[in-house]
Amino acid sequence: MSGFETDKINKVKNALNTCTMCGFCKSVCPSFKSIGWDSAVSRGRIIQTYGLLTGQLEADDSVVENMYTCTTCADCNRRCPSTVDIVEIIELCRADLVKNGHILPKHKAIVDSIQKYNNPYSEEKSVADTLGMKPRKAKIGYFAGCTATYREKKIAAASLSILKKLGADFTTVDEVCCGSVLQRIGADEEKSVALMKRNVEAIKALGIETLVLSCSGCYRMFKTEYPKFVDVPFEVLHMSEYLAKQDLKLKPLGNVKITYHDPCHLGRHCKVYDAPREVLKKFPDLDYKEMKFNKSASHCCGGGGGVRSAYPEEAKDIASTRLDEAGFADIIVTACPFCVGNLTSAAGGRKVKVMDLTELVDAHL
């Protein structure tokens, strides 16, 4: 295969050879459960990446589809006995695919939107203007993220309401897209780094000491990805971590059964499992039960990695599995706008309600 540049894949050549093709990843891969082909499981994607590296495989439509039906949930990383960072391999392969001109139309539209509007939804109003609160000097900064601002608006509204009720000295931020979606789909690294620098400078300019985020994807970026490229001179907390530290006076929930869904970005990628559960424990009459697969073994909602935008049916199918696991609950609480959106869209006529943790807290604070 001539002409396919493999700059990024070359960096993980040794990791590609470390995979023993044991198939342990098949037991946890959400896209494999939906699609059913080995080409759509982690080891299959590693084989295809190796084929691109060695020139034995063409980057045809089937290869592109197999690389982009991965939600990057990282459950395969957890399960891999050879400790291969499979998500890194997939994202680097995506970067080489994009560099060589193989980008899905839906993802191209997202990249163009971020370049033009600073968000993936082609919304012309800034985040601060949409939230209706101008940035100012304050010790606490609230970073809403694009999805909570423009799509799952109840989450941003609940977060602002909670901070006001708690009497926090806080401000919104003159924020732009955090860059997560660009990293997940393999867009030019320079584009995401430019967003990182812009956000950090805007936060520093307001004298913010603690940044609180309600989006797990944005949180992962600031917590683990930003420090690889820019200095982050302030504390970074997910809203669940912030609320776990507060003395919340919460009203009873009433006769409802609650369960919690761990977002992949917050859980497996950032190891935040306890904080959301500590917040739920603050409810005086909590009727709580864990799903069978929880914390590090939690199943993906199907909404991440660019899957929902490019392959909505696969995303819905993956979400249905998770909803089945929560069949005993009246409310599924989670801590990510992507999880809220994808689980809700797949719920259909089911009795279960999907809520972000901030919505539940705000309604009873």
Protein backbone atom coordinates (compact mmCIF):
# COMPACT_ATOMS: atom_id res chain seq x y z
CA MET A 1 0.00 0.00 0.00
CA SER A 2 1.73 3.16 -1.13
CA GLY A 3 1.23 6.67 0.11
CA PHE A 4 -0.38 5.95 3.50
CA GLU A 5 1.60 7.80 6.16
CA THR A 6 1.78 6.11 9.55
CA ASP A 7 3.47 8.73 11.72
CA LYS A 8 1.26 8.15 14.75
CA ILE A 9 0.92 4.37 14.43
CA ASN A 10 4.71 4.04 14.34
CA LYS A 11 4.80 5.24 17.95
CA VAL A 12 2.88 2.15 19.13
CA LYS A 13 4.55 -0.46 16.91
CA ASN A 14 5.79 -2.42 19.94
CA ALA A 15 2.34 -2.35 21.55
CA LEU A 16 0.81 -3.78 18.37
CA ASN A 17 3.18 -6.73 18.65
CA THR A 18 2.45 -7.15 22.37
CA CYS A 19 -1.20 -8.09 21.75
CA THR A 20 -1.46 -11.89 21.94
CA MET A 21 -4.89 -12.01 20.25
CA CYS A 22 -6.23 -13.84 23.31
CA GLY A 23 -9.73 -12.41 22.85
CA PHE A 24 -10.33 -11.37 26.46
CA CYS A 25 -11.48 -8.01 25.07
CA LYS A 26 -14.42 -9.71 23.34
CA SER A 27 -16.16 -10.24 26.67
CA VAL A 28 -16.34 -6.50 27.41
CA CYS A 29 -16.23 -4.62 24.08
CA PRO A 30 -19.57 -2.78 23.66
CA SER A 31 -19.29 -2.37 19.90
CA PHE A 32 -18.55 -6.08 19.44
CA LYS A 33 -21.73 -6.89 21.36
CA SER A 34 -23.64 -4.65 18.97
CA ILE A 35 -21.94 -5.55 15.67
CA GLY A 36 -20.83 -9.15 16.30
CA TRP A 37 -17.76 -9.23 14.05
CA ASP A 38 -14.15 -9.69 15.23
CA SER A 39 -13.16 -6.75 13.05
CA ALA A 40 -15.19 -4.58 15.46
CA VAL A 41 -13.49 -5.79 18.64
CA SER A 42 -10.25 -4.49 20.14
CA ARG A 43 -7.97 -7.27 18.86
CA GLY A 44 -9.53 -6.93 15.41
CA ARG A 45 -8.78 -3.23 15.40
CA ILE A 46 -5.21 -3.93 16.45
CA ILE A 47 -4.82 -6.35 13.51
CA GLN A 48 -6.16 -3.71 11.15
CA THR A 49 -3.85 -1.06 12.59
CA TYR A 50 -0.92 -3.42 12.10
CA GLY A 51 -2.06 -4.03 8.52
CA LEU A 52 -2.05 -0.28 7.85
CA LEU A 53 1.41 0.03 9.43
CA THR A 54 2.94 -2.73 7.33
CA GLY A 55 1.15 -1.78 4.12
CA GLN A 56 -0.69 -5.11 3.97
CA LEU A 57 -4.09 -3.45 4.32
CA GLU A 58 -5.80 -0.65 2.45
CA ALA A 59 -7.66 2.05 4.38
CA ASP A 60 -10.96 1.21 2.74
CA ASP A 61 -14.44 2.02 4.03
CA SER A 62 -14.66 -1.15 6.14
CA VAL A 63 -11.41 -0.36 7.96
CA VAL A 64 -12.51 3.21 8.64
CA GLU A 65 -15.88 2.01 9.95
CA ASN A 66 -14.27 -0.57 12.24
CA MET A 67 -11.91 2.02 13.71
CA TYR A 68 -14.73 4.50 14.32
CA THR A 69 -17.34 2.22 15.87
CA CYS A 70 -15.13 2.07 18.99
CA THR A 71 -16.51 4.19 21.85
CA THR A 72 -13.01 4.43 23.43
CA CYS A 73 -14.60 3.27 26.69
CA ALA A 74 -11.31 1.63 27.80
CA ASP A 75 -12.95 -1.49 29.20
CA CYS A 76 -10.63 -3.46 26.92
CA ASN A 77 -7.64 -1.76 28.57
CA ARG A 78 -8.93 -2.95 31.95
CA ARG A 79 -9.44 -6.51 30.71
CA CYS A 80 -6.25 -6.90 28.66
CA PRO A 81 -3.87 -9.38 30.36
CA SER A 82 -0.98 -7.96 28.33
CA THR A 83 -1.77 -4.40 29.57
CA VAL A 84 -1.88 -2.99 26.04
CA ASP A 85 -3.27 0.57 25.86
CA ILE A 86 -5.73 -0.32 23.14
CA VAL A 87 -7.56 3.02 23.25
CA GLU A 88 -4.31 4.87 22.55
CA ILE A 89 -3.66 2.61 19.55
CA ILE A 90 -7.13 3.23 18.15
CA GLU A 91 -6.94 7.00 18.60
CA LEU A 92 -3.48 7.18 17.00
CA CYS A 93 -4.72 5.06 14.11
CA ARG A 94 -7.64 7.46 13.71
CA ALA A 95 -5.20 10.38 13.62
CA ASP A 96 -3.28 8.74 10.78
CA LEU A 97 -6.52 7.95 8.94
CA VAL A 98 -7.59 11.60 9.16
CA LYS A 99 -4.14 12.82 8.11
CA ASN A 100 -4.41 10.60 5.05
CA GLY A 101 -7.81 12.04 4.14
CA HIS A 102 -10.06 9.35 5.64
CA ILE A 103 -12.47 11.32 7.80
CA LEU A 104 -16.15 10.53 8.20
CA PRO A 105 -18.51 13.26 6.87
CA LYS A 106 -20.20 13.72 10.28
CA HIS A 107 -16.82 14.12 11.95
CA LYS A 108 -15.63 16.54 9.25
CA ALA A 109 -18.69 18.68 9.98
CA ILE A 110 -17.85 18.66 13.70
CA VAL A 111 -14.26 19.75 13.05
CA ASP A 112 -15.44 22.53 10.76
CA SER A 113 -18.01 23.67 13.34
CA ILE A 114 -15.41 23.88 16.11
CA GLN A 115 -13.12 25.86 13.84
CA LYS A 116 -15.90 28.31 12.95
CA TYR A 117 -18.05 28.46 16.09
CA ASN A 118 -15.79 27.09 18.87
CA ASN A 119 -18.30 24.29 19.53
CA PRO A 120 -19.32 21.10 17.69
CA TYR A 121 -22.98 22.08 17.35
CA SER A 122 -22.65 25.11 15.03
CA GLU A 123 -24.12 27.36 17.72
CA GLU A 124 -23.28 31.02 17.15
CA LYS A 125 -23.71 32.28 20.73
CA SER A 126 -20.81 31.80 23.12
CA VAL A 127 -21.15 29.53 26.16
CA ALA A 128 -21.19 32.45 28.61
CA ASP A 129 -23.84 34.30 26.60
CA THR A 130 -25.96 31.16 26.31
CA LEU A 131 -25.74 30.57 30.06
CA GLY A 132 -26.66 34.22 30.66
CA MET A 133 -23.85 34.90 33.11
CA LYS A 134 -20.85 37.00 32.18
CA PRO A 135 -17.40 35.89 33.38
CA ARG A 136 -15.85 37.83 36.26
CA LYS A 137 -13.00 37.52 38.75
CA ALA A 138 -13.71 34.67 41.19
CA LYS A 139 -11.97 31.80 42.98
CA ILE A 140 -14.23 29.12 41.53
CA GLY A 141 -14.81 28.75 37.82
CA TYR A 142 -17.64 26.72 36.31
CA PHE A 143 -16.79 25.10 32.97
CA ALA A 144 -20.09 23.95 31.47
CA GLY A 145 -18.86 22.29 28.28
CA CYS A 146 -20.57 22.38 24.90
CA THR A 147 -23.05 19.55 25.41
CA ALA A 148 -24.45 20.78 28.74
CA THR A 149 -24.64 24.29 27.31
CA TYR A 150 -26.28 23.64 23.96
CA ARG A 151 -27.98 20.23 24.18
CA GLU A 152 -28.45 18.85 27.70
CA LYS A 153 -29.21 22.32 29.05
CA LYS A 154 -30.76 21.11 32.31
CA ILE A 155 -27.31 20.01 33.49
CA ALA A 156 -25.70 23.43 33.11
CA ALA A 157 -28.77 25.13 34.61
CA ALA A 158 -28.74 22.77 37.60
CA SER A 159 -25.01 23.28 38.13
CA LEU A 160 -25.36 27.06 38.17
CA SER A 161 -28.35 26.79 40.50
CA ILE A 162 -26.45 24.58 42.95
CA LEU A 163 -23.45 26.91 43.08
CA LYS A 164 -25.77 29.86 43.76
CA LYS A 165 -27.67 27.99 46.49
CA LEU A 166 -24.38 27.07 48.17
CA GLY A 167 -23.30 30.70 48.11
CA ALA A 168 -20.12 29.93 46.18
CA ASP A 169 -17.92 32.73 44.87
CA PHE A 170 -17.97 31.48 41.28
CA THR A 171 -17.97 32.59 37.69
CA THR A 172 -18.60 31.18 34.26
CA VAL A 173 -15.65 31.08 31.87
CA ASP A 174 -15.14 32.54 28.42
CA GLU A 175 -14.78 28.93 27.30
CA VAL A 176 -14.49 27.25 23.94
CA CYS A 177 -14.68 23.54 23.11
CA CYS A 178 -12.33 21.63 25.42
CA GLY A 179 -10.94 19.67 22.46
CA SER A 180 -12.12 16.23 23.58
CA VAL A 181 -14.11 15.50 20.45
CA LEU A 182 -11.14 16.46 18.27
CA GLN A 183 -8.85 14.08 20.15
CA ARG A 184 -11.36 11.24 20.07
CA ILE A 185 -11.88 11.39 16.29
CA GLY A 186 -8.22 11.93 15.44
CA ALA A 187 -8.29 15.53 14.22
CA ASP A 188 -5.11 17.55 13.77
CA GLU A 189 -3.41 17.82 17.18
CA GLU A 190 -2.62 21.49 16.64
CA LYS A 191 -6.33 22.29 16.60
CA SER A 192 -6.99 20.71 20.01
CA VAL A 193 -3.85 22.21 21.57
CA ALA A 194 -4.93 25.66 20.39
CA LEU A 195 -8.24 25.18 22.21
CA MET A 196 -6.41 24.01 25.34
CA LYS A 197 -4.23 27.12 25.40
CA ARG A 198 -7.21 29.40 24.83
CA ASN A 199 -9.22 27.86 27.68
CA VAL A 200 -6.35 27.87 30.17
CA GLU A 201 -5.52 31.51 29.44
CA ALA A 202 -9.18 32.52 29.86
CA ILE A 203 -9.34 30.71 33.21
CA LYS A 204 -6.07 32.21 34.46
CA ALA A 205 -7.22 35.70 33.48
CA LEU A 206 -10.15 35.40 35.91
CA GLY A 207 -7.94 34.43 38.85
CA ILE A 208 -9.70 31.08 39.18
CA GLU A 209 -8.18 28.71 41.74
CA THR A 210 -10.61 25.79 41.34
CA LEU A 211 -12.27 24.78 38.09
CA VAL A 212 -15.49 22.77 38.47
CA LEU A 213 -16.81 20.81 35.48
CA SER A 214 -20.10 18.99 34.96
CA CYS A 215 -19.00 17.16 31.79
CA SER A 216 -16.91 14.03 32.29
CA GLY A 217 -15.33 14.43 28.85
CA CYS A 218 -14.21 17.98 29.60
CA TYR A 219 -13.02 16.86 33.04
CA ARG A 220 -10.86 14.14 31.54
CA MET A 221 -9.32 16.67 29.17
CA PHE A 222 -8.35 19.11 31.93
CA LYS A 223 -7.29 16.36 34.32
CA THR A 224 -5.25 14.03 32.11
CA GLU A 225 -4.87 15.46 28.58
CA TYR A 226 -4.23 19.18 29.09
CA PRO A 227 -1.15 18.62 31.30
CA LYS A 228 0.51 16.78 28.41
CA PHE A 229 0.48 19.97 26.34
CA VAL A 230 -0.09 23.00 28.61
CA ASP A 231 0.45 24.05 32.21
CA VAL A 232 -2.74 23.81 34.31
CA PRO A 233 -2.12 26.06 37.35
CA PHE A 234 -5.46 25.51 39.09
CA GLU A 235 -7.35 22.71 40.82
CA VAL A 236 -9.61 20.64 38.57
CA LEU A 237 -12.73 19.05 40.09
CA HIS A 238 -15.66 17.23 38.57
CA MET A 239 -18.94 18.54 39.95
CA SER A 240 -19.41 15.26 41.83
CA GLU A 241 -16.06 15.76 43.57
CA TYR A 242 -17.00 19.32 44.47
CA LEU A 243 -20.41 18.31 45.82
CA ALA A 244 -18.96 15.42 47.81
CA LYS A 245 -17.04 18.01 49.86
CA GLN A 246 -20.11 20.16 50.57
CA ASP A 247 -22.55 20.00 53.47
CA LEU A 248 -25.64 19.42 51.36
CA LYS A 249 -29.03 19.72 53.03
CA LEU A 250 -31.05 17.50 50.73
CA LYS A 251 -34.77 16.75 50.85
CA PRO A 252 -35.95 13.12 50.73
CA LEU A 253 -36.29 11.51 47.32
CA GLY A 254 -39.47 9.68 48.17
CA ASN A 255 -40.34 6.17 47.06
CA VAL A 256 -37.95 5.79 44.12
CA LYS A 257 -35.27 3.22 43.35
CA ILE A 258 -31.94 4.74 42.29
CA THR A 259 -28.92 3.30 40.51
CA TYR A 260 -25.77 4.97 39.22
CA HIS A 261 -24.09 4.64 35.82
CA ASP A 262 -20.33 5.32 35.74
CA PRO A 263 -19.34 7.43 32.73
CA CYS A 264 -16.26 5.99 30.99
CA HIS A 265 -14.44 9.34 30.96
CA LEU A 266 -14.99 9.89 34.67
CA GLY A 267 -14.58 6.29 35.78
CA ARG A 268 -12.11 4.16 33.88
CA HIS A 269 -10.23 7.09 32.35
CA CYS A 270 -9.96 9.20 35.53
CA LYS A 271 -10.67 6.68 38.33
CA VAL A 272 -13.44 8.78 39.92
CA TYR A 273 -15.89 6.25 41.33
CA ASP A 274 -16.54 7.20 44.94
CA ALA A 275 -17.43 10.92 44.72
CA PRO A 276 -20.79 10.51 42.89
CA ARG A 277 -21.81 7.73 45.27
CA GLU A 278 -20.83 9.85 48.28
CA VAL A 279 -23.14 12.60 46.99
CA LEU A 280 -26.01 10.13 46.59
CA LYS A 281 -25.47 8.93 50.16
CA LYS A 282 -26.27 12.46 51.34
CA PHE A 283 -29.94 11.87 50.46
CA PRO A 284 -31.71 10.94 53.72
CA ASP A 285 -33.90 8.12 52.41
CA LEU A 286 -31.86 6.71 49.56
CA ASP A 287 -33.13 3.44 48.07
CA TYR A 288 -30.00 2.57 46.12
CA LYS A 289 -28.79 -0.52 44.29
CA GLU A 290 -25.74 -1.00 42.10
CA MET A 291 -26.03 -2.48 38.64
CA LYS A 292 -24.24 -5.80 38.19
CA PHE A 293 -21.50 -4.11 36.17
CA ASN A 294 -20.32 -1.03 38.04
CA LYS A 295 -17.28 1.13 38.79
CA SER A 296 -14.27 -0.10 36.75
CA ALA A 297 -16.40 -2.86 35.18
CA SER A 298 -19.25 -0.52 34.24
CA HIS A 299 -20.61 -0.98 30.73
CA CYS A 300 -20.41 1.94 28.30
CA CYS A 301 -23.50 3.99 27.40
CA GLY A 302 -22.45 3.96 23.73
CA GLY A 303 -22.29 7.73 23.30
CA GLY A 304 -18.53 8.34 23.29
CA GLY A 305 -15.66 8.21 20.83
CA GLY A 306 -17.62 9.92 18.07
CA VAL A 307 -19.86 6.83 17.69
CA ARG A 308 -23.18 8.54 18.36
CA SER A 309 -22.57 11.21 15.72
CA ALA A 310 -21.39 8.82 13.00
CA TYR A 311 -23.15 5.56 13.89
CA PRO A 312 -26.27 6.45 15.93
CA GLU A 313 -27.88 3.02 15.60
CA GLU A 314 -24.84 1.28 17.10
CA ALA A 315 -24.79 3.88 19.90
CA LYS A 316 -28.46 3.24 20.60
CA ASP A 317 -27.97 -0.52 20.60
CA ILE A 318 -25.12 -0.25 23.12
CA ALA A 319 -27.25 2.01 25.33
CA SER A 320 -30.09 -0.51 25.28
CA THR A 321 -27.84 -3.11 26.91
CA ARG A 322 -27.06 -0.72 29.74
CA LEU A 323 -30.72 0.17 30.16
CA ASP A 324 -31.61 -3.51 30.42
CA GLU A 325 -29.11 -3.86 33.26
CA ALA A 326 -30.88 -1.04 35.13
CA GLY A 327 -34.34 -2.51 34.67
CA PHE A 328 -34.97 -2.55 38.44
CA ALA A 329 -34.49 1.21 38.84
CA ASP A 330 -36.85 4.16 38.56
CA ILE A 331 -33.98 6.60 38.00
CA ILE A 332 -30.54 6.07 36.48
CA VAL A 333 -28.26 8.78 37.81
CA THR A 334 -25.05 9.52 35.93
CA ALA A 335 -22.50 12.32 35.79
CA CYS A 336 -22.00 13.14 32.12
CA PRO A 337 -24.19 14.92 29.55
CA PHE A 338 -23.21 12.41 26.84
CA CYS A 339 -24.42 9.51 28.98
CA VAL A 340 -27.64 11.37 29.80
CA GLY A 341 -28.28 12.12 26.14
CA ASN A 342 -27.52 8.69 24.73
CA LEU A 343 -29.27 6.67 27.43
CA THR A 344 -32.33 8.94 27.23
CA SER A 345 -32.54 8.66 23.44
CA ALA A 346 -32.45 4.88 23.68
CA ALA A 347 -34.90 4.62 26.58
CA GLY A 348 -37.99 4.96 24.36
CA GLY A 349 -41.07 3.82 26.26
CA ARG A 350 -39.20 2.40 29.24
CA LYS A 351 -40.33 3.56 32.66
CA VAL A 352 -36.80 4.47 33.78
CA LYS A 353 -35.73 8.12 33.88
CA VAL A 354 -32.15 9.17 33.21
CA MET A 355 -30.83 12.16 35.18
CA ASP A 356 -27.52 13.86 35.73
CA LEU A 357 -26.39 13.98 39.35
CA THR A 358 -26.60 17.78 39.30
CA GLU A 359 -30.27 17.67 38.28
CA LEU A 360 -31.15 15.35 41.14
CA VAL A 361 -29.21 17.39 43.70
CA ASP A 362 -30.59 20.73 42.54
CA ALA A 363 -34.18 19.48 42.64
CA HIS A 364 -33.79 18.46 46.27
CA LEU A 365 -31.38 21.09 47.64
